[in-house]
Structures are given as structure tokens and as C-alpha cells.
Amino acid sequence: MPKSLEIRLNELIHKITEMKKEFILNKSIKVEAGQNRIREWKAIGKKVSAKWNGLSAVEEIREQRKKAW
């Protein structure tokens, strides 16, 4: 009888370990996907900035602050 309890306990420990590995893997996949989205947005931002002909964002804000409403 004690042997079967020990076996069951080992099986539970093994299952918990596998669940923990899966949890960590899923979390790292989500982090990587988030980092990919950030990289994509930065690339888009660089493309837009390269094609921009108007005032820079800083200059635009300065101009708006100077306006008297």
C-alpha cells in the first residue's frame, strides 16, 4: 500500500512539473509575440518618419502651445 501512494505522489509531482513547463513556455510565447509587435510598430514609425514632410512632432507641439485660444 505505501508503495502505491509513493507512486501516485511521484506521478502527481511529474504532472505538476509538466504543467509548470507548459505554463512557462506559454508565457514566453506571449512575451515574444509582444516584442514582435513592438518591433513592427517601431519599423512602421521609422517608415512614416522617413516619408514625413511637415513639422516634426516636437515642433507641432511647440506651435500648438504658442496659440492663444
PDB file of N, CA and C in Angstrom:
ATOM      1  N   MET A   1       0.806  -1.203   0.000  1.00  0.00           N
ATOM      2  CA  MET A   1       0.000   0.000   0.000  1.00  0.00           C
ATOM      3  C   MET A   1       0.849   1.269   0.000  1.00  0.00           C
ATOM      4  N   PRO A   2       1.856   1.382   0.871  1.00  0.00           N
ATOM      5  CA  PRO A   2       2.669   2.604   0.849  1.00  0.00           C
ATOM      6  C   PRO A   2       3.368   2.809  -0.496  1.00  0.00           C
ATOM      7  N   LYS A   3       3.707   1.727  -1.153  1.00  0.00           N
ATOM      8  CA  LYS A   3       4.366   1.830  -2.453  1.00  0.00           C
ATOM      9  C   LYS A   3       3.449   2.508  -3.459  1.00  0.00           C
ATOM     10  N   SER A   4       2.201   2.167  -3.469  1.00  0.00           N
ATOM     11  CA  SER A   4       1.275   2.773  -4.415  1.00  0.00           C
ATOM     12  C   SER A   4       1.087   4.268  -4.122  1.00  0.00           C
ATOM     13  N   LEU A   5       1.086   4.633  -2.852  1.00  0.00           N
ATOM     14  CA  LEU A   5       0.992   6.051  -2.503  1.00  0.00           C
ATOM     15  C   LEU A   5       2.218   6.806  -2.997  1.00  0.00           C
ATOM     16  N   GLU A   6       3.366   6.196  -2.845  1.00  0.00           N
ATOM     17  CA  GLU A   6       4.605   6.818  -3.300  1.00  0.00           C
ATOM     18  C   GLU A   6       4.586   6.988  -4.827  1.00  0.00           C
ATOM     19  N   ILE A   7       4.098   5.969  -5.514  1.00  0.00           N
ATOM     20  CA  ILE A   7       3.999   6.040  -6.979  1.00  0.00           C
ATOM     21  C   ILE A   7       3.024   7.140  -7.392  1.00  0.00           C
ATOM     22  N   ARG A   8       1.874   7.208  -6.736  1.00  0.00           N
ATOM     23  CA  ARG A   8       0.890   8.241  -7.052  1.00  0.00           C
ATOM     24  C   ARG A   8       1.440   9.633  -6.789  1.00  0.00           C
ATOM     25  N   LEU A   9       2.166   9.764  -5.692  1.00  0.00           N
ATOM     26  CA  LEU A   9       2.767  11.053  -5.373  1.00  0.00           C
ATOM     27  C   LEU A   9       3.789  11.445  -6.444  1.00  0.00           C
ATOM     28  N   ASN A  10       4.598  10.505  -6.870  1.00  0.00           N
ATOM     29  CA  ASN A  10       5.579  10.777  -7.920  1.00  0.00           C
ATOM     30  C   ASN A  10       4.900  11.162  -9.229  1.00  0.00           C
ATOM     31  N   GLU A  11       3.794  10.507  -9.530  1.00  0.00           N
ATOM     32  CA  GLU A  11       3.039  10.852 -10.741  1.00  0.00           C
ATOM     33  C   GLU A  11       2.476  12.273 -10.649  1.00  0.00           C
ATOM     34  N   LEU A  12       1.967  12.627  -9.482  1.00  0.00           N
ATOM     35  CA  LEU A  12       1.453  13.975  -9.286  1.00  0.00           C
ATOM     36  C   LEU A  12       2.558  15.021  -9.420  1.00  0.00           C
ATOM     37  N   ILE A  13       3.689  14.739  -8.839  1.00  0.00           N
ATOM     38  CA  ILE A  13       4.834  15.650  -8.947  1.00  0.00           C
ATOM     39  C   ILE A  13       5.243  15.801 -10.404  1.00  0.00           C
ATOM     40  N   HIS A  14       5.266  14.702 -11.117  1.00  0.00           N
ATOM     41  CA  HIS A  14       5.630  14.740 -12.535  1.00  0.00           C
ATOM     42  C   HIS A  14       4.621  15.582 -13.333  1.00  0.00           C
ATOM     43  N   LYS A  15       3.321  15.372 -13.069  1.00  0.00           N
ATOM     44  CA  LYS A  15       2.287  16.144 -13.770  1.00  0.00           C
ATOM     45  C   LYS A  15       2.410  17.634 -13.462  1.00  0.00           C
ATOM     46  N   ILE A  16       2.651  17.965 -12.211  1.00  0.00           N
ATOM     47  CA  ILE A  16       2.806  19.367 -11.830  1.00  0.00           C
ATOM     48  C   ILE A  16       4.024  19.979 -12.516  1.00  0.00           C
ATOM     49  N   THR A  17       5.103  19.231 -12.585  1.00  0.00           N
ATOM     50  CA  THR A  17       6.314  19.713 -13.260  1.00  0.00           C
ATOM     51  C   THR A  17       6.036  19.969 -14.734  1.00  0.00           C
ATOM     52  N   GLU A  18       5.312  19.065 -15.379  1.00  0.00           N
ATOM     53  CA  GLU A  18       4.973  19.242 -16.789  1.00  0.00           C
ATOM     54  C   GLU A  18       4.064  20.450 -16.990  1.00  0.00           C
ATOM     55  N   MET A  19       3.108  20.641 -16.090  1.00  0.00           N
ATOM     56  CA  MET A  19       2.224  21.804 -16.171  1.00  0.00           C
ATOM     57  C   MET A  19       3.023  23.098 -16.015  1.00  0.00           C
ATOM     58  N   LYS A  20       3.978  23.092 -15.117  1.00  0.00           N
ATOM     59  CA  LYS A  20       4.810  24.271 -14.899  1.00  0.00           C
ATOM     60  C   LYS A  20       5.625  24.591 -16.156  1.00  0.00           C
ATOM     61  N   LYS A  21       6.182  23.563 -16.787  1.00  0.00           N
ATOM     62  CA  LYS A  21       6.943  23.766 -18.027  1.00  0.00           C
ATOM     63  C   LYS A  21       6.048  24.364 -19.112  1.00  0.00           C
ATOM     64  N   GLU A  22       4.851  23.836 -19.232  1.00  0.00           N
ATOM     65  CA  GLU A  22       3.901  24.328 -20.239  1.00  0.00           C
ATOM     66  C   GLU A  22       3.519  25.778 -19.961  1.00  0.00           C
ATOM     67  N   PHE A  23       3.299  26.102 -18.703  1.00  0.00           N
ATOM     68  CA  PHE A  23       2.961  27.465 -18.311  1.00  0.00           C
ATOM     69  C   PHE A  23       4.091  28.430 -18.689  1.00  0.00           C
ATOM     70  N   ILE A  24       5.313  28.060 -18.391  1.00  0.00           N
ATOM     71  CA  ILE A  24       6.470  28.899 -18.709  1.00  0.00           C
ATOM     72  C   ILE A  24       6.606  29.061 -20.220  1.00  0.00           C
ATOM     73  N   LEU A  25       6.414  27.998 -20.964  1.00  0.00           N
ATOM     74  CA  LEU A  25       6.513  28.066 -22.422  1.00  0.00           C
ATOM     75  C   LEU A  25       5.445  29.000 -22.985  1.00  0.00           C
ATOM     76  N   ASN A  26       4.203  28.865 -22.524  1.00  0.00           N
ATOM     77  CA  ASN A  26       3.127  29.743 -22.995  1.00  0.00           C
ATOM     78  C   ASN A  26       3.413  31.201 -22.660  1.00  0.00           C
ATOM     79  N   LYS A  27       3.952  31.443 -21.481  1.00  0.00           N
ATOM     80  CA  LYS A  27       4.266  32.805 -21.072  1.00  0.00           C
ATOM     81  C   LYS A  27       5.369  33.378 -21.963  1.00  0.00           C
ATOM     82  N   SER A  28       6.380  32.592 -22.270  1.00  0.00           N
ATOM     83  CA  SER A  28       7.471  33.090 -23.113  1.00  0.00           C
ATOM     84  C   SER A  28       6.985  33.345 -24.540  1.00  0.00           C
ATOM     85  N   ILE A  29       6.049  32.547 -25.023  1.00  0.00           N
ATOM     86  CA  ILE A  29       5.481  32.758 -26.364  1.00  0.00           C
ATOM     87  C   ILE A  29       4.729  34.094 -26.396  1.00  0.00           C
ATOM     88  N   LYS A  30       3.971  34.386 -25.343  1.00  0.00           N
ATOM     89  CA  LYS A  30       3.235  35.654 -25.276  1.00  0.00           C
ATOM     90  C   LYS A  30       4.191  36.841 -25.225  1.00  0.00           C
ATOM     91  N   VAL A  31       5.260  36.707 -24.465  1.00  0.00           N
ATOM     92  CA  VAL A  31       6.243  37.788 -24.365  1.00  0.00           C
ATOM     93  C   VAL A  31       6.897  38.015 -25.720  1.00  0.00           C
ATOM     94  N   GLU A  32       7.259  36.945 -26.384  1.00  0.00           N
ATOM     95  CA  GLU A  32       7.894  37.057 -27.698  1.00  0.00           C
ATOM     96  C   GLU A  32       6.941  37.704 -28.709  1.00  0.00           C
ATOM     97  N   ALA A  33       5.684  37.338 -28.671  1.00  0.00           N
ATOM     98  CA  ALA A  33       4.703  37.938 -29.576  1.00  0.00           C
ATOM     99  C   ALA A  33       4.571  39.433 -29.301  1.00  0.00           C
ATOM    100  N   GLY A  34       4.568  39.813 -28.050  1.00  0.00           N
ATOM    101  CA  GLY A  34       4.502  41.229 -27.691  1.00  0.00           C
ATOM    102  C   GLY A  34       5.723  41.991 -28.183  1.00  0.00           C
ATOM    103  N   GLN A  35       6.889  41.386 -28.055  1.00  0.00           N
ATOM    104  CA  GLN A  35       8.114  42.031 -28.531  1.00  0.00           C
ATOM    105  C   GLN A  35       8.101  42.166 -30.043  1.00  0.00           C
ATOM    106  N   ASN A  36       7.549  41.175 -30.735  1.00  0.00           N
ATOM    107  CA  ASN A  36       7.445  41.261 -32.197  1.00  0.00           C
ATOM    108  C   ASN A  36       6.537  42.417 -32.599  1.00  0.00           C
ATOM    109  N   ARG A  37       5.419  42.596 -31.890  1.00  0.00           N
ATOM    110  CA  ARG A  37       4.509  43.712 -32.195  1.00  0.00           C
ATOM    111  C   ARG A  37       5.203  45.053 -31.971  1.00  0.00           C
ATOM    112  N   ILE A  38       5.981  45.151 -30.919  1.00  0.00           N
ATOM    113  CA  ILE A  38       6.700  46.394 -30.644  1.00  0.00           C
ATOM    114  C   ILE A  38       7.693  46.683 -31.771  1.00  0.00           C
ATOM    115  N   ARG A  39       8.417  45.654 -32.213  1.00  0.00           N
ATOM    116  CA  ARG A  39       9.373  45.831 -33.309  1.00  0.00           C
ATOM    117  C   ARG A  39       8.663  46.272 -34.591  1.00  0.00           C
ATOM    118  N   GLU A  40       7.499  45.673 -34.858  1.00  0.00           N
ATOM    119  CA  GLU A  40       6.736  46.046 -36.053  1.00  0.00           C
ATOM    120  C   GLU A  40       6.293  47.504 -35.987  1.00  0.00           C
ATOM    121  N   TRP A  41       5.802  47.945 -34.831  1.00  0.00           N
ATOM    122  CA  TRP A  41       5.372  49.339 -34.687  1.00  0.00           C
ATOM    123  C   TRP A  41       6.546  50.291 -34.857  1.00  0.00           C
ATOM    124  N   LYS A  42       7.694  49.928 -34.303  1.00  0.00           N
ATOM    125  CA  LYS A  42       8.873  50.781 -34.456  1.00  0.00           C
ATOM    126  C   LYS A  42       9.284  50.878 -35.918  1.00  0.00           C
ATOM    127  N   ALA A  43       9.216  49.764 -36.638  1.00  0.00           N
ATOM    128  CA  ALA A  43       9.562  49.776 -38.066  1.00  0.00           C
ATOM    129  C   ALA A  43       8.593  50.658 -38.843  1.00  0.00           C
ATOM    130  N   ILE A  44       7.313  50.562 -38.523  1.00  0.00           N
ATOM    131  CA  ILE A  44       6.313  51.414 -39.182  1.00  0.00           C
ATOM    132  C   ILE A  44       6.585  52.878 -38.854  1.00  0.00           C
ATOM    133  N   GLY A  45       6.911  53.156 -37.611  1.00  0.00           N
ATOM    134  CA  GLY A  45       7.212  54.524 -37.200  1.00  0.00           C
ATOM    135  C   GLY A  45       8.403  55.092 -37.960  1.00  0.00           C
ATOM    136  N   LYS A  46       9.419  54.281 -38.172  1.00  0.00           N
ATOM    137  CA  LYS A  46      10.587  54.736 -38.925  1.00  0.00           C
ATOM    138  C   LYS A  46      10.227  55.017 -40.383  1.00  0.00           C
ATOM    139  N   LYS A  47       9.378  54.184 -40.968  1.00  0.00           N
ATOM    140  CA  LYS A  47       8.957  54.400 -42.353  1.00  0.00           C
ATOM    141  C   LYS A  47       8.169  55.700 -42.481  1.00  0.00           C
ATOM    142  N   VAL A  48       7.249  55.926 -41.543  1.00  0.00           N
ATOM    143  CA  VAL A  48       6.443  57.137 -41.579  1.00  0.00           C
ATOM    144  C   VAL A  48       7.338  58.355 -41.377  1.00  0.00           C
ATOM    145  N   SER A  49       8.248  58.283 -40.433  1.00  0.00           N
ATOM    146  CA  SER A  49       9.150  59.405 -40.173  1.00  0.00           C
ATOM    147  C   SER A  49      10.015  59.717 -41.382  1.00  0.00           C
ATOM    148  N   ALA A  50      10.446  58.690 -42.093  1.00  0.00           N
ATOM    149  CA  ALA A  50      11.285  58.901 -43.268  1.00  0.00           C
ATOM    150  C   ALA A  50      10.518  59.613 -44.377  1.00  0.00           C
ATOM    151  N   LYS A  51       9.204  59.396 -44.472  1.00  0.00           N
ATOM    152  CA  LYS A  51       8.389  59.997 -45.526  1.00  0.00           C
ATOM    153  C   LYS A  51       7.745  61.305 -45.093  1.00  0.00           C
ATOM    154  N   TRP A  52       7.884  61.681 -43.828  1.00  0.00           N
ATOM    155  CA  TRP A  52       7.205  62.854 -43.278  1.00  0.00           C
ATOM    156  C   TRP A  52       7.846  64.121 -43.829  1.00  0.00           C
ATOM    157  N   ASN A  53       6.999  65.066 -44.317  1.00  0.00           N
ATOM    158  CA  ASN A  53       7.488  66.321 -44.879  1.00  0.00           C
ATOM    159  C   ASN A  53       7.119  67.525 -44.033  1.00  0.00           C
ATOM    160  N   GLY A  54       6.217  67.374 -43.110  1.00  0.00           N
ATOM    161  CA  GLY A  54       5.739  68.503 -42.314  1.00  0.00           C
ATOM    162  C   GLY A  54       6.623  68.777 -41.114  1.00  0.00           C
ATOM    163  N   LEU A  55       6.046  69.510 -40.166  1.00  0.00           N
ATOM    164  CA  LEU A  55       6.743  69.793 -38.920  1.00  0.00           C
ATOM    165  C   LEU A  55       6.983  68.498 -38.152  1.00  0.00           C
ATOM    166  N   SER A  56       8.055  68.488 -37.376  1.00  0.00           N
ATOM    167  CA  SER A  56       8.267  67.317 -36.513  1.00  0.00           C
ATOM    168  C   SER A  56       7.218  67.364 -35.398  1.00  0.00           C
ATOM    169  N   ALA A  57       7.061  66.283 -34.718  1.00  0.00           N
ATOM    170  CA  ALA A  57       6.072  66.224 -33.639  1.00  0.00           C
ATOM    171  C   ALA A  57       6.399  67.252 -32.565  1.00  0.00           C
ATOM    172  N   VAL A  58       7.661  67.426 -32.244  1.00  0.00           N
ATOM    173  CA  VAL A  58       8.066  68.397 -31.227  1.00  0.00           C
ATOM    174  C   VAL A  58       7.724  69.812 -31.693  1.00  0.00           C
ATOM    175  N   GLU A  59       8.018  70.108 -32.956  1.00  0.00           N
ATOM    176  CA  GLU A  59       7.711  71.432 -33.492  1.00  0.00           C
ATOM    177  C   GLU A  59       6.205  71.683 -33.520  1.00  0.00           C
ATOM    178  N   GLU A  60       5.445  70.690 -33.872  1.00  0.00           N
ATOM    179  CA  GLU A  60       3.991  70.812 -33.897  1.00  0.00           C
ATOM    180  C   GLU A  60       3.454  71.129 -32.507  1.00  0.00           C
ATOM    181  N   ILE A  61       3.957  70.463 -31.497  1.00  0.00           N
ATOM    182  CA  ILE A  61       3.510  70.711 -30.123  1.00  0.00           C
ATOM    183  C   ILE A  61       3.879  72.128 -29.698  1.00  0.00           C
ATOM    184  N   ARG A  62       5.095  72.569 -30.047  1.00  0.00           N
ATOM    185  CA  ARG A  62       5.504  73.937 -29.727  1.00  0.00           C
ATOM    186  C   ARG A  62       4.556  74.954 -30.353  1.00  0.00           C
ATOM    187  N   GLU A  63       4.221  74.731 -31.619  1.00  0.00           N
ATOM    188  CA  GLU A  63       3.316  75.647 -32.320  1.00  0.00           C
ATOM    189  C   GLU A  63       1.936  75.686 -31.665  1.00  0.00           C
ATOM    190  N   GLN A  64       1.450  74.526 -31.242  1.00  0.00           N
ATOM    191  CA  GLN A  64       0.138  74.474 -30.604  1.00  0.00           C
ATOM    192  C   GLN A  64       0.145  75.168 -29.260  1.00  0.00           C
ATOM    193  N   ARG A  65       1.248  75.120 -28.551  1.00  0.00           N
ATOM    194  CA  ARG A  65       1.333  75.782 -27.240  1.00  0.00           C
ATOM    195  C   ARG A  65       1.379  77.299 -27.393  1.00  0.00           C
ATOM    196  N   LYS A  66       1.917  77.764 -28.508  1.00  0.00           N
ATOM    197  CA  LYS A  66       2.016  79.202 -28.744  1.00  0.00           C
ATOM    198  C   LYS A  66       0.656  79.823 -29.063  1.00  0.00           C
ATOM    199  N   LYS A  67      -0.284  79.032 -29.566  1.00  0.00           N
ATOM    200  CA  LYS A  67      -1.589  79.552 -29.977  1.00  0.00           C
ATOM    201  C   LYS A  67      -2.351  80.081 -28.770  1.00  0.00           C
ATOM    202  N   ALA A  68      -3.016  81.180 -28.984  1.00  0.00           N
ATOM    203  CA  ALA A  68      -3.874  81.739 -27.930  1.00  0.00           C
ATOM    204  C   ALA A  68      -5.310  81.371 -28.281  1.00  0.00           C
ATOM    205  N   TRP A  69      -5.961  80.668 -27.430  1.00  0.00           N
ATOM    206  CA  TRP A  69      -7.324  80.215 -27.713  1.00  0.00           C
ATOM    207  C   TRP A  69      -8.279  81.236 -27.266  1.00  0.00           C
TER     208      TRP A  69
END
